[in-house]
Amino acid sequence: MNLVGTSLGGIPMCHGAGGMAGHVRFGVRTGGSLVFVGLFLADPAATLFQLFPTSVLGAILFFGGLELAAGSHGSGLDKNDRYVLLVTAGVSKWNMGAGYLAGLLLWHCFQRGWLKA
């Protein structure tokens, strides 16, 4: 399902897809790095995750979700515009004014080249 769906512009639909997108978004490009962490750094990594506040881990999850959602090509928008759309919609579910400001700020950051999707 994932091979056919993603080749048609869909997003991966398994439990590991969010973790995979998070890894790719933050620079991990091969499966070897995950094997290395799993074999040699599992306990220190677990301790490290306990040291981070849950809000930091939530932000990582947020960007992983954005990576998955922006990968769908259902609209005619480029990737930067899809990010702005998704951030604006996501934050607006909490507060409409904050959503507007977050979308506007993100759009300006992309336009000025401060961020790259």
PDB file of N, CA and C in Angstrom:
ATOM      1  N   MET A   1       0.829  -1.183   0.000  1.00  0.00           N
ATOM      2  CA  MET A   1       0.000   0.000   0.000  1.00  0.00           C
ATOM      3  C   MET A   1       0.880   1.255   0.000  1.00  0.00           C
ATOM      4  N   ASN A   2       1.922   1.268   0.821  1.00  0.00           N
ATOM      5  CA  ASN A   2       2.770   2.451   0.884  1.00  0.00           C
ATOM      6  C   ASN A   2       3.541   2.676  -0.412  1.00  0.00           C
ATOM      7  N   LEU A   3       4.011   1.608  -1.051  1.00  0.00           N
ATOM      8  CA  LEU A   3       4.761   1.770  -2.299  1.00  0.00           C
ATOM      9  C   LEU A   3       3.877   2.326  -3.413  1.00  0.00           C
ATOM     10  N   VAL A   4       2.674   1.808  -3.530  1.00  0.00           N
ATOM     11  CA  VAL A   4       1.771   2.282  -4.584  1.00  0.00           C
ATOM     12  C   VAL A   4       1.241   3.676  -4.250  1.00  0.00           C
ATOM     13  N   GLY A   5       0.825   3.878  -3.011  1.00  0.00           N
ATOM     14  CA  GLY A   5       0.244   5.163  -2.623  1.00  0.00           C
ATOM     15  C   GLY A   5       1.224   6.318  -2.741  1.00  0.00           C
ATOM     16  N   THR A   6       2.460   6.129  -2.272  1.00  0.00           N
ATOM     17  CA  THR A   6       3.428   7.219  -2.345  1.00  0.00           C
ATOM     18  C   THR A   6       3.856   7.509  -3.771  1.00  0.00           C
ATOM     19  N   SER A   7       3.850   6.499  -4.624  1.00  0.00           N
ATOM     20  CA  SER A   7       4.205   6.757  -6.022  1.00  0.00           C
ATOM     21  C   SER A   7       3.110   7.557  -6.734  1.00  0.00           C
ATOM     22  N   LEU A   8       1.917   7.565  -6.183  1.00  0.00           N
ATOM     23  CA  LEU A   8       0.816   8.348  -6.753  1.00  0.00           C
ATOM     24  C   LEU A   8       0.617   9.682  -6.037  1.00  0.00           C
ATOM     25  N   GLY A   9       1.539  10.029  -5.132  1.00  0.00           N
ATOM     26  CA  GLY A   9       1.461  11.312  -4.445  1.00  0.00           C
ATOM     27  C   GLY A   9       0.879  11.237  -3.054  1.00  0.00           C
ATOM     28  N   GLY A  10       0.592  10.043  -2.552  1.00  0.00           N
ATOM     29  CA  GLY A  10       0.058   9.892  -1.205  1.00  0.00           C
ATOM     30  C   GLY A  10       1.158   9.955  -0.165  1.00  0.00           C
ATOM     31  N   ILE A  11       0.766   9.889   1.098  1.00  0.00           N
ATOM     32  CA  ILE A  11       1.743   9.885   2.173  1.00  0.00           C
ATOM     33  C   ILE A  11       1.808   8.492   2.785  1.00  0.00           C
ATOM     34  N   PRO A  12       2.946   8.103   3.351  1.00  0.00           N
ATOM     35  CA  PRO A  12       3.042   6.782   3.986  1.00  0.00           C
ATOM     36  C   PRO A  12       2.021   6.634   5.111  1.00  0.00           C
ATOM     37  N   MET A  13       1.447   5.454   5.241  1.00  0.00           N
ATOM     38  CA  MET A  13       0.369   5.233   6.199  1.00  0.00           C
ATOM     39  C   MET A  13       0.707   4.176   7.249  1.00  0.00           C
ATOM     40  N   CYS A  14       1.948   4.094   7.669  1.00  0.00           N
ATOM     41  CA  CYS A  14       2.278   3.116   8.699  1.00  0.00           C
ATOM     42  C   CYS A  14       2.720   3.852   9.956  1.00  0.00           C
ATOM     43  N   HIS A  15       2.847   3.134  11.047  1.00  0.00           N
ATOM     44  CA  HIS A  15       3.211   3.769  12.312  1.00  0.00           C
ATOM     45  C   HIS A  15       4.632   4.317  12.285  1.00  0.00           C
ATOM     46  N   GLY A  16       5.498   3.750  11.475  1.00  0.00           N
ATOM     47  CA  GLY A  16       6.877   4.206  11.405  1.00  0.00           C
ATOM     48  C   GLY A  16       7.088   5.398  10.493  1.00  0.00           C
ATOM     49  N   ALA A  17       6.076   5.812   9.752  1.00  0.00           N
ATOM     50  CA  ALA A  17       6.249   6.888   8.783  1.00  0.00           C
ATOM     51  C   ALA A  17       6.572   8.214   9.463  1.00  0.00           C
ATOM     52  N   GLY A  18       5.959   8.498  10.590  1.00  0.00           N
ATOM     53  CA  GLY A  18       6.232   9.752  11.283  1.00  0.00           C
ATOM     54  C   GLY A  18       7.653   9.815  11.790  1.00  0.00           C
ATOM     55  N   GLY A  19       8.144   8.716  12.327  1.00  0.00           N
ATOM     56  CA  GLY A  19       9.531   8.680  12.788  1.00  0.00           C
ATOM     57  C   GLY A  19      10.492   8.812  11.635  1.00  0.00           C
ATOM     58  N   MET A  20      10.187   8.166  10.533  1.00  0.00           N
ATOM     59  CA  MET A  20      11.039   8.243   9.355  1.00  0.00           C
ATOM     60  C   MET A  20      11.095   9.677   8.835  1.00  0.00           C
ATOM     61  N   ALA A  21       9.975  10.331   8.761  1.00  0.00           N
ATOM     62  CA  ALA A  21       9.945  11.717   8.290  1.00  0.00           C
ATOM     63  C   ALA A  21      10.692  12.636   9.242  1.00  0.00           C
ATOM     64  N   GLY A  22      10.565  12.389  10.536  1.00  0.00           N
ATOM     65  CA  GLY A  22      11.302  13.188  11.516  1.00  0.00           C
ATOM     66  C   GLY A  22      12.799  13.015  11.370  1.00  0.00           C
ATOM     67  N   HIS A  23      13.241  11.786  11.160  1.00  0.00           N
ATOM     68  CA  HIS A  23      14.666  11.537  10.975  1.00  0.00           C
ATOM     69  C   HIS A  23      15.182  12.251   9.739  1.00  0.00           C
ATOM     70  N   VAL A  24      14.445  12.145   8.638  1.00  0.00           N
ATOM     71  CA  VAL A  24      14.873  12.773   7.393  1.00  0.00           C
ATOM     72  C   VAL A  24      14.886  14.288   7.544  1.00  0.00           C
ATOM     73  N   ARG A  25      13.859  14.832   8.202  1.00  0.00           N
ATOM     74  CA  ARG A  25      13.771  16.287   8.376  1.00  0.00           C
ATOM     75  C   ARG A  25      14.957  16.820   9.169  1.00  0.00           C
ATOM     76  N   PHE A  26      15.444  16.054  10.136  1.00  0.00           N
ATOM     77  CA  PHE A  26      16.539  16.523  10.978  1.00  0.00           C
ATOM     78  C   PHE A  26      17.890  15.962  10.557  1.00  0.00           C
ATOM     79  N   GLY A  27      18.005  15.446   9.320  1.00  0.00           N
ATOM     80  CA  GLY A  27      19.307  15.152   8.755  1.00  0.00           C
ATOM     81  C   GLY A  27      19.715  13.702   8.601  1.00  0.00           C
ATOM     82  N   VAL A  28      18.983  12.754   9.138  1.00  0.00           N
ATOM     83  CA  VAL A  28      19.352  11.349   9.011  1.00  0.00           C
ATOM     84  C   VAL A  28      18.911  10.865   7.641  1.00  0.00           C
ATOM     85  N   ARG A  29      19.836  10.360   6.847  1.00  0.00           N
ATOM     86  CA  ARG A  29      19.511   9.973   5.477  1.00  0.00           C
ATOM     87  C   ARG A  29      19.595   8.469   5.222  1.00  0.00           C
ATOM     88  N   THR A  30      20.217   7.719   6.103  1.00  0.00           N
ATOM     89  CA  THR A  30      20.349   6.271   5.871  1.00  0.00           C
ATOM     90  C   THR A  30      19.826   5.497   7.071  1.00  0.00           C
ATOM     91  N   GLY A  31      19.500   4.240   6.838  1.00  0.00           N
ATOM     92  CA  GLY A  31      19.053   3.377   7.925  1.00  0.00           C
ATOM     93  C   GLY A  31      20.183   2.950   8.840  1.00  0.00           C
ATOM     94  N   GLY A  32      21.414   3.073   8.367  1.00  0.00           N
ATOM     95  CA  GLY A  32      22.569   2.676   9.173  1.00  0.00           C
ATOM     96  C   GLY A  32      22.703   3.484  10.454  1.00  0.00           C
ATOM     97  N   SER A  33      22.338   4.751  10.404  1.00  0.00           N
ATOM     98  CA  SER A  33      22.432   5.579  11.611  1.00  0.00           C
ATOM     99  C   SER A  33      21.456   5.098  12.679  1.00  0.00           C
ATOM    100  N   LEU A  34      20.276   4.646  12.264  1.00  0.00           N
ATOM    101  CA  LEU A  34      19.314   4.127  13.237  1.00  0.00           C
ATOM    102  C   LEU A  34      19.792   2.812  13.839  1.00  0.00           C
ATOM    103  N   VAL A  35      20.410   1.983  13.006  1.00  0.00           N
ATOM    104  CA  VAL A  35      20.968   0.721  13.512  1.00  0.00           C
ATOM    105  C   VAL A  35      22.075   1.019  14.515  1.00  0.00           C
ATOM    106  N   PHE A  36      22.932   1.979  14.198  1.00  0.00           N
ATOM    107  CA  PHE A  36      24.012   2.357  15.101  1.00  0.00           C
ATOM    108  C   PHE A  36      23.470   2.835  16.448  1.00  0.00           C
ATOM    109  N   VAL A  37      22.490   3.711  16.414  1.00  0.00           N
ATOM    110  CA  VAL A  37      21.892   4.214  17.658  1.00  0.00           C
ATOM    111  C   VAL A  37      21.236   3.063  18.429  1.00  0.00           C
ATOM    112  N   GLY A  38      20.521   2.194  17.723  1.00  0.00           N
ATOM    113  CA  GLY A  38      19.842   1.082  18.380  1.00  0.00           C
ATOM    114  C   GLY A  38      20.799   0.099  19.039  1.00  0.00           C
ATOM    115  N   LEU A  39      21.915  -0.157  18.398  1.00  0.00           N
ATOM    116  CA  LEU A  39      22.864  -1.129  18.945  1.00  0.00           C
ATOM    117  C   LEU A  39      23.759  -0.562  20.036  1.00  0.00           C
ATOM    118  N   PHE A  40      24.213   0.670  19.866  1.00  0.00           N
ATOM    119  CA  PHE A  40      25.242   1.187  20.759  1.00  0.00           C
ATOM    120  C   PHE A  40      24.798   2.330  21.655  1.00  0.00           C
ATOM    121  N   LEU A  41      23.741   3.020  21.311  1.00  0.00           N
ATOM    122  CA  LEU A  41      23.350   4.211  22.074  1.00  0.00           C
ATOM    123  C   LEU A  41      21.913   4.174  22.569  1.00  0.00           C
ATOM    124  N   ALA A  42      21.326   2.995  22.693  1.00  0.00           N
ATOM    125  CA  ALA A  42      19.913   2.915  23.071  1.00  0.00           C
ATOM    126  C   ALA A  42      19.665   3.486  24.464  1.00  0.00           C
ATOM    127  N   ASP A  43      20.456   3.089  25.448  1.00  0.00           N
ATOM    128  CA  ASP A  43      20.247   3.608  26.807  1.00  0.00           C
ATOM    129  C   ASP A  43      20.551   5.100  26.920  1.00  0.00           C
ATOM    130  N   PRO A  44      21.683   5.580  26.384  1.00  0.00           N
ATOM    131  CA  PRO A  44      21.906   7.031  26.449  1.00  0.00           C
ATOM    132  C   PRO A  44      20.843   7.829  25.691  1.00  0.00           C
ATOM    133  N   ALA A  45      20.350   7.290  24.577  1.00  0.00           N
ATOM    134  CA  ALA A  45      19.308   8.007  23.831  1.00  0.00           C
ATOM    135  C   ALA A  45      18.022   8.083  24.647  1.00  0.00           C
ATOM    136  N   ALA A  46      17.669   6.998  25.330  1.00  0.00           N
ATOM    137  CA  ALA A  46      16.468   7.014  26.174  1.00  0.00           C
ATOM    138  C   ALA A  46      16.628   8.022  27.311  1.00  0.00           C
ATOM    139  N   THR A  47      17.807   8.069  27.905  1.00  0.00           N
ATOM    140  CA  THR A  47      18.076   9.048  28.968  1.00  0.00           C
ATOM    141  C   THR A  47      18.009  10.464  28.414  1.00  0.00           C
ATOM    142  N   LEU A  48      18.548  10.661  27.230  1.00  0.00           N
ATOM    143  CA  LEU A  48      18.521  11.978  26.607  1.00  0.00           C
ATOM    144  C   LEU A  48      17.087  12.442  26.360  1.00  0.00           C
ATOM    145  N   PHE A  49      16.220  11.538  25.890  1.00  0.00           N
ATOM    146  CA  PHE A  49      14.826  11.909  25.661  1.00  0.00           C
ATOM    147  C   PHE A  49      14.112  12.247  26.969  1.00  0.00           C
ATOM    148  N   GLN A  50      14.513  11.636  28.066  1.00  0.00           N
ATOM    149  CA  GLN A  50      13.904  11.960  29.358  1.00  0.00           C
ATOM    150  C   GLN A  50      14.345  13.331  29.849  1.00  0.00           C
ATOM    151  N   LEU A  51      15.511  13.806  29.396  1.00  0.00           N
ATOM    152  CA  LEU A  51      16.006  15.116  29.821  1.00  0.00           C
ATOM    153  C   LEU A  51      15.312  16.264  29.080  1.00  0.00           C
ATOM    154  N   PHE A  52      14.852  15.997  27.857  1.00  0.00           N
ATOM    155  CA  PHE A  52      14.167  17.034  27.086  1.00  0.00           C
ATOM    156  C   PHE A  52      12.757  17.235  27.620  1.00  0.00           C
ATOM    157  N   PRO A  53      12.300  18.479  27.696  1.00  0.00           N
ATOM    158  CA  PRO A  53      10.897  18.714  28.051  1.00  0.00           C
ATOM    159  C   PRO A  53       9.985  18.144  26.956  1.00  0.00           C
ATOM    160  N   THR A  54       8.801  17.762  27.346  1.00  0.00           N
ATOM    161  CA  THR A  54       7.872  17.184  26.368  1.00  0.00           C
ATOM    162  C   THR A  54       7.502  18.183  25.277  1.00  0.00           C
ATOM    163  N   SER A  55       7.604  19.477  25.560  1.00  0.00           N
ATOM    164  CA  SER A  55       7.297  20.470  24.523  1.00  0.00           C
ATOM    165  C   SER A  55       8.320  20.422  23.396  1.00  0.00           C
ATOM    166  N   VAL A  56       9.575  20.134  23.711  1.00  0.00           N
ATOM    167  CA  VAL A  56      10.602  20.010  22.669  1.00  0.00           C
ATOM    168  C   VAL A  56      10.317  18.777  21.820  1.00  0.00           C
ATOM    169  N   LEU A  57       9.988  17.675  22.464  1.00  0.00           N
ATOM    170  CA  LEU A  57       9.649  16.465  21.721  1.00  0.00           C
ATOM    171  C   LEU A  57       8.382  16.679  20.890  1.00  0.00           C
ATOM    172  N   GLY A  58       7.453  17.457  21.409  1.00  0.00           N
ATOM    173  CA  GLY A  58       6.246  17.789  20.648  1.00  0.00           C
ATOM    174  C   GLY A  58       6.572  18.624  19.423  1.00  0.00           C
ATOM    175  N   ALA A  59       7.534  19.530  19.543  1.00  0.00           N
ATOM    176  CA  ALA A  59       7.943  20.330  18.385  1.00  0.00           C
ATOM    177  C   ALA A  59       8.580  19.452  17.317  1.00  0.00           C
ATOM    178  N   ILE A  60       9.379  18.472  17.732  1.00  0.00           N
ATOM    179  CA  ILE A  60       9.969  17.537  16.774  1.00  0.00           C
ATOM    180  C   ILE A  60       8.869  16.748  16.083  1.00  0.00           C
ATOM    181  N   LEU A  61       7.881  16.311  16.828  1.00  0.00           N
ATOM    182  CA  LEU A  61       6.749  15.595  16.242  1.00  0.00           C
ATOM    183  C   LEU A  61       5.969  16.489  15.278  1.00  0.00           C
ATOM    184  N   PHE A  62       5.809  17.754  15.637  1.00  0.00           N
ATOM    185  CA  PHE A  62       5.118  18.712  14.775  1.00  0.00           C
ATOM    186  C   PHE A  62       5.822  18.836  13.431  1.00  0.00           C
ATOM    187  N   PHE A  63       7.144  18.994  13.442  1.00  0.00           N
ATOM    188  CA  PHE A  63       7.882  19.142  12.186  1.00  0.00           C
ATOM    189  C   PHE A  63       7.918  17.834  11.398  1.00  0.00           C
ATOM    190  N   GLY A  64       7.933  16.711  12.086  1.00  0.00           N
ATOM    191  CA  GLY A  64       7.827  15.432  11.382  1.00  0.00           C
ATOM    192  C   GLY A  64       6.492  15.297  10.682  1.00  0.00           C
ATOM    193  N   GLY A  65       5.423  15.722  11.339  1.00  0.00           N
ATOM    194  CA  GLY A  65       4.095  15.707  10.727  1.00  0.00           C
ATOM    195  C   GLY A  65       3.995  16.664   9.545  1.00  0.00           C
ATOM    196  N   LEU A  66       4.627  17.825   9.677  1.00  0.00           N
ATOM    197  CA  LEU A  66       4.653  18.761   8.556  1.00  0.00           C
ATOM    198  C   LEU A  66       5.371  18.145   7.363  1.00  0.00           C
ATOM    199  N   GLU A  67       6.453  17.434   7.636  1.00  0.00           N
ATOM    200  CA  GLU A  67       7.210  16.799   6.550  1.00  0.00           C
ATOM    201  C   GLU A  67       6.337  15.789   5.815  1.00  0.00           C
ATOM    202  N   LEU A  68       5.561  15.020   6.562  1.00  0.00           N
ATOM    203  CA  LEU A  68       4.667  14.057   5.923  1.00  0.00           C
ATOM    204  C   LEU A  68       3.555  14.749   5.139  1.00  0.00           C
ATOM    205  N   ALA A  69       2.933  15.747   5.746  1.00  0.00           N
ATOM    206  CA  ALA A  69       1.810  16.417   5.097  1.00  0.00           C
ATOM    207  C   ALA A  69       2.255  17.238   3.895  1.00  0.00           C
ATOM    208  N   ALA A  70       3.411  17.865   3.973  1.00  0.00           N
ATOM    209  CA  ALA A  70       3.880  18.682   2.855  1.00  0.00           C
ATOM    210  C   ALA A  70       4.353  17.818   1.695  1.00  0.00           C
ATOM    211  N   GLY A  71       4.591  16.557   1.946  1.00  0.00           N
ATOM    212  CA  GLY A  71       5.020  15.663   0.883  1.00  0.00           C
ATOM    213  C   GLY A  71       3.905  15.261  -0.052  1.00  0.00           C
ATOM    214  N   SER A  72       2.664  15.446   0.355  1.00  0.00           N
ATOM    215  CA  SER A  72       1.553  15.102  -0.542  1.00  0.00           C
ATOM    216  C   SER A  72       1.452  16.177  -1.619  1.00  0.00           C
ATOM    217  N   HIS A  73       1.240  15.751  -2.843  1.00  0.00           N
ATOM    218  CA  HIS A  73       1.253  16.680  -3.973  1.00  0.00           C
ATOM    219  C   HIS A  73      -0.142  16.896  -4.537  1.00  0.00           C
ATOM    220  N   GLY A  74      -1.136  16.929  -3.690  1.00  0.00           N
ATOM    221  CA  GLY A  74      -2.503  17.058  -4.156  1.00  0.00           C
ATOM    222  C   GLY A  74      -2.856  18.442  -4.661  1.00  0.00           C
ATOM    223  N   SER A  75      -2.091  19.448  -4.286  1.00  0.00           N
ATOM    224  CA  SER A  75      -2.404  20.803  -4.715  1.00  0.00           C
ATOM    225  C   SER A  75      -1.330  21.302  -5.670  1.00  0.00           C
ATOM    226  N   GLY A  76      -1.553  22.433  -6.245  1.00  0.00           N
ATOM    227  CA  GLY A  76      -0.587  23.019  -7.156  1.00  0.00           C
ATOM    228  C   GLY A  76       0.427  23.900  -6.442  1.00  0.00           C
ATOM    229  N   LEU A  77       0.470  23.843  -5.130  1.00  0.00           N
ATOM    230  CA  LEU A  77       1.370  24.695  -4.352  1.00  0.00           C
ATOM    231  C   LEU A  77       2.760  24.095  -4.281  1.00  0.00           C
ATOM    232  N   ASP A  78       3.769  24.955  -4.155  1.00  0.00           N
ATOM    233  CA  ASP A  78       5.099  24.420  -3.919  1.00  0.00           C
ATOM    234  C   ASP A  78       5.242  24.060  -2.437  1.00  0.00           C
ATOM    235  N   LYS A  79       6.368  23.458  -2.085  1.00  0.00           N
ATOM    236  CA  LYS A  79       6.529  22.913  -0.728  1.00  0.00           C
ATOM    237  C   LYS A  79       6.477  24.017   0.333  1.00  0.00           C
ATOM    238  N   ASN A  80       7.082  25.168   0.077  1.00  0.00           N
ATOM    239  CA  ASN A  80       7.053  26.262   1.053  1.00  0.00           C
ATOM    240  C   ASN A  80       5.622  26.723   1.320  1.00  0.00           C
ATOM    241  N   ASP A  81       4.841  26.855   0.250  1.00  0.00           N
ATOM    242  CA  ASP A  81       3.452  27.292   0.421  1.00  0.00           C
ATOM    243  C   ASP A  81       2.622  26.251   1.172  1.00  0.00           C
ATOM    244  N   ARG A  82       2.908  24.971   0.950  1.00  0.00           N
ATOM    245  CA  ARG A  82       2.189  23.926   1.696  1.00  0.00           C
ATOM    246  C   ARG A  82       2.534  23.998   3.178  1.00  0.00           C
ATOM    247  N   TYR A  83       3.811  24.267   3.497  1.00  0.00           N
ATOM    248  CA  TYR A  83       4.189  24.430   4.903  1.00  0.00           C
ATOM    249  C   TYR A  83       3.431  25.593   5.538  1.00  0.00           C
ATOM    250  N   VAL A  84       3.379  26.728   4.857  1.00  0.00           N
ATOM    251  CA  VAL A  84       2.662  27.890   5.388  1.00  0.00           C
ATOM    252  C   VAL A  84       1.191  27.553   5.612  1.00  0.00           C
ATOM    253  N   LEU A  85       0.584  26.888   4.640  1.00  0.00           N
ATOM    254  CA  LEU A  85      -0.820  26.495   4.750  1.00  0.00           C
ATOM    255  C   LEU A  85      -1.045  25.575   5.949  1.00  0.00           C
ATOM    256  N   LEU A  86      -0.190  24.567   6.105  1.00  0.00           N
ATOM    257  CA  LEU A  86      -0.375  23.605   7.188  1.00  0.00           C
ATOM    258  C   LEU A  86      -0.125  24.215   8.562  1.00  0.00           C
ATOM    259  N   VAL A  87       0.899  25.040   8.675  1.00  0.00           N
ATOM    260  CA  VAL A  87       1.175  25.691   9.962  1.00  0.00           C
ATOM    261  C   VAL A  87       0.038  26.636  10.324  1.00  0.00           C
ATOM    262  N   THR A  88      -0.425  27.425   9.364  1.00  0.00           N
ATOM    263  CA  THR A  88      -1.520  28.345   9.626  1.00  0.00           C
ATOM    264  C   THR A  88      -2.775  27.595  10.066  1.00  0.00           C
ATOM    265  N   ALA A  89      -3.100  26.526   9.352  1.00  0.00           N
ATOM    266  CA  ALA A  89      -4.293  25.751   9.709  1.00  0.00           C
ATOM    267  C   ALA A  89      -4.130  25.076  11.064  1.00  0.00           C
ATOM    268  N   GLY A  90      -2.973  24.505  11.308  1.00  0.00           N
ATOM    269  CA  GLY A  90      -2.757  23.802  12.577  1.00  0.00           C
ATOM    270  C   GLY A  90      -2.806  24.718  13.782  1.00  0.00           C
ATOM    271  N   VAL A  91      -2.142  25.872  13.691  1.00  0.00           N
ATOM    272  CA  VAL A  91      -2.138  26.813  14.819  1.00  0.00           C
ATOM    273  C   VAL A  91      -3.506  27.469  14.954  1.00  0.00           C
ATOM    274  N   SER A  92      -4.208  27.679  13.840  1.00  0.00           N
ATOM    275  CA  SER A  92      -5.535  28.300  13.901  1.00  0.00           C
ATOM    276  C   SER A  92      -6.562  27.433  14.615  1.00  0.00           C
ATOM    277  N   LYS A  93      -6.337  26.135  14.658  1.00  0.00           N
ATOM    278  CA  LYS A  93      -7.237  25.279  15.430  1.00  0.00           C
ATOM    279  C   LYS A  93      -7.178  25.637  16.916  1.00  0.00           C
ATOM    280  N   TRP A  94      -6.045  26.168  17.344  1.00  0.00           N
ATOM    281  CA  TRP A  94      -5.883  26.581  18.738  1.00  0.00           C
ATOM    282  C   TRP A  94      -6.337  28.021  18.919  1.00  0.00           C
ATOM    283  N   ASN A  95      -5.858  28.946  18.030  1.00  0.00           N
ATOM    284  CA  ASN A  95      -6.187  30.363  18.152  1.00  0.00           C
ATOM    285  C   ASN A  95      -6.081  30.993  16.763  1.00  0.00           C
ATOM    286  N   MET A  96      -7.136  31.590  16.280  1.00  0.00           N
ATOM    287  CA  MET A  96      -7.175  32.127  14.923  1.00  0.00           C
ATOM    288  C   MET A  96      -6.141  33.239  14.714  1.00  0.00           C
ATOM    289  N   GLY A  97      -6.016  34.122  15.664  1.00  0.00           N
ATOM    290  CA  GLY A  97      -5.039  35.214  15.539  1.00  0.00           C
ATOM    291  C   GLY A  97      -3.610  34.702  15.545  1.00  0.00           C
ATOM    292  N   ALA A  98      -3.330  33.743  16.418  1.00  0.00           N
ATOM    293  CA  ALA A  98      -1.994  33.157  16.467  1.00  0.00           C
ATOM    294  C   ALA A  98      -1.691  32.400  15.186  1.00  0.00           C
ATOM    295  N   GLY A  99      -2.696  31.748  14.623  1.00  0.00           N
ATOM    296  CA  GLY A  99      -2.514  31.046  13.358  1.00  0.00           C
ATOM    297  C   GLY A  99      -2.167  32.004  12.233  1.00  0.00           C
ATOM    298  N   TYR A 100      -2.857  33.123  12.185  1.00  0.00           N
ATOM    299  CA  TYR A 100      -2.577  34.130  11.168  1.00  0.00           C
ATOM    300  C   TYR A 100      -1.149  34.642  11.310  1.00  0.00           C
ATOM    301  N   LEU A 101      -0.755  34.984  12.530  1.00  0.00           N
ATOM    302  CA  LEU A 101       0.595  35.503  12.750  1.00  0.00           C
ATOM    303  C   LEU A 101       1.663  34.452  12.454  1.00  0.00           C
ATOM    304  N   ALA A 102       1.416  33.207  12.840  1.00  0.00           N
ATOM    305  CA  ALA A 102       2.386  32.144  12.561  1.00  0.00           C
ATOM    306  C   ALA A 102       2.546  31.935  11.058  1.00  0.00           C
ATOM    307  N   GLY A 103       1.450  31.926  10.320  1.00  0.00           N
ATOM    308  CA  GLY A 103       1.518  31.774   8.870  1.00  0.00           C
ATOM    309  C   GLY A 103       2.212  32.949   8.203  1.00  0.00           C
ATOM    310  N   LEU A 104       1.897  34.144   8.652  1.00  0.00           N
ATOM    311  CA  LEU A 104       2.518  35.342   8.087  1.00  0.00           C
ATOM    312  C   LEU A 104       4.020  35.357   8.360  1.00  0.00           C
ATOM    313  N   LEU A 105       4.408  35.033   9.581  1.00  0.00           N
ATOM    314  CA  LEU A 105       5.827  34.989   9.941  1.00  0.00           C
ATOM    315  C   LEU A 105       6.570  33.929   9.129  1.00  0.00           C
ATOM    316  N   LEU A 106       5.978  32.753   9.006  1.00  0.00           N
ATOM    317  CA  LEU A 106       6.616  31.686   8.244  1.00  0.00           C
ATOM    318  C   LEU A 106       6.738  32.073   6.772  1.00  0.00           C
ATOM    319  N   TRP A 107       5.712  32.692   6.208  1.00  0.00           N
ATOM    320  CA  TRP A 107       5.759  33.112   4.812  1.00  0.00           C
ATOM    321  C   TRP A 107       6.890  34.111   4.584  1.00  0.00           C
ATOM    322  N   HIS A 108       7.007  35.090   5.501  1.00  0.00           N
ATOM    323  CA  HIS A 108       8.085  36.080   5.368  1.00  0.00           C
ATOM    324  C   HIS A 108       9.458  35.427   5.515  1.00  0.00           C
ATOM    325  N   CYS A 109       9.581  34.462   6.399  1.00  0.00           N
ATOM    326  CA  CYS A 109      10.861  33.755   6.564  1.00  0.00           C
ATOM    327  C   CYS A 109      11.237  33.011   5.286  1.00  0.00           C
ATOM    328  N   PHE A 110      10.288  32.381   4.642  1.00  0.00           N
ATOM    329  CA  PHE A 110      10.560  31.697   3.373  1.00  0.00           C
ATOM    330  C   PHE A 110      10.911  32.707   2.271  1.00  0.00           C
ATOM    331  N   GLN A 111      10.176  33.828   2.212  1.00  0.00           N
ATOM    332  CA  GLN A 111      10.420  34.828   1.168  1.00  0.00           C
ATOM    333  C   GLN A 111      11.807  35.461   1.277  1.00  0.00           C
ATOM    334  N   ARG A 112      12.262  35.654   2.511  1.00  0.00           N
ATOM    335  CA  ARG A 112      13.565  36.284   2.727  1.00  0.00           C
ATOM    336  C   ARG A 112      14.726  35.282   2.691  1.00  0.00           C
ATOM    337  N   GLY A 113      14.389  33.987   2.606  1.00  0.00           N
ATOM    338  CA  GLY A 113      15.423  32.970   2.537  1.00  0.00           C
ATOM    339  C   GLY A 113      15.993  32.562   3.875  1.00  0.00           C
ATOM    340  N   TRP A 114      15.330  32.945   4.970  1.00  0.00           N
ATOM    341  CA  TRP A 114      15.812  32.582   6.302  1.00  0.00           C
ATOM    342  C   TRP A 114      15.566  31.115   6.607  1.00  0.00           C
ATOM    343  N   LEU A 115      14.551  30.532   5.994  1.00  0.00           N
ATOM    344  CA  LEU A 115      14.216  29.112   6.162  1.00  0.00           C
ATOM    345  C   LEU A 115      14.143  28.470   4.790  1.00  0.00           C
ATOM    346  N   LYS A 116      14.386  27.168   4.785  1.00  0.00           N
ATOM    347  CA  LYS A 116      14.285  26.413   3.547  1.00  0.00           C
ATOM    348  C   LYS A 116      13.576  25.109   3.846  1.00  0.00           C
ATOM    349  N   ALA A 117      12.516  24.794   3.111  1.00  0.00           N
ATOM    350  CA  ALA A 117      11.756  23.567   3.341  1.00  0.00           C
ATOM    351  C   ALA A 117      12.410  22.397   2.636  1.00  0.00           C
TER     352      ALA A 117
END
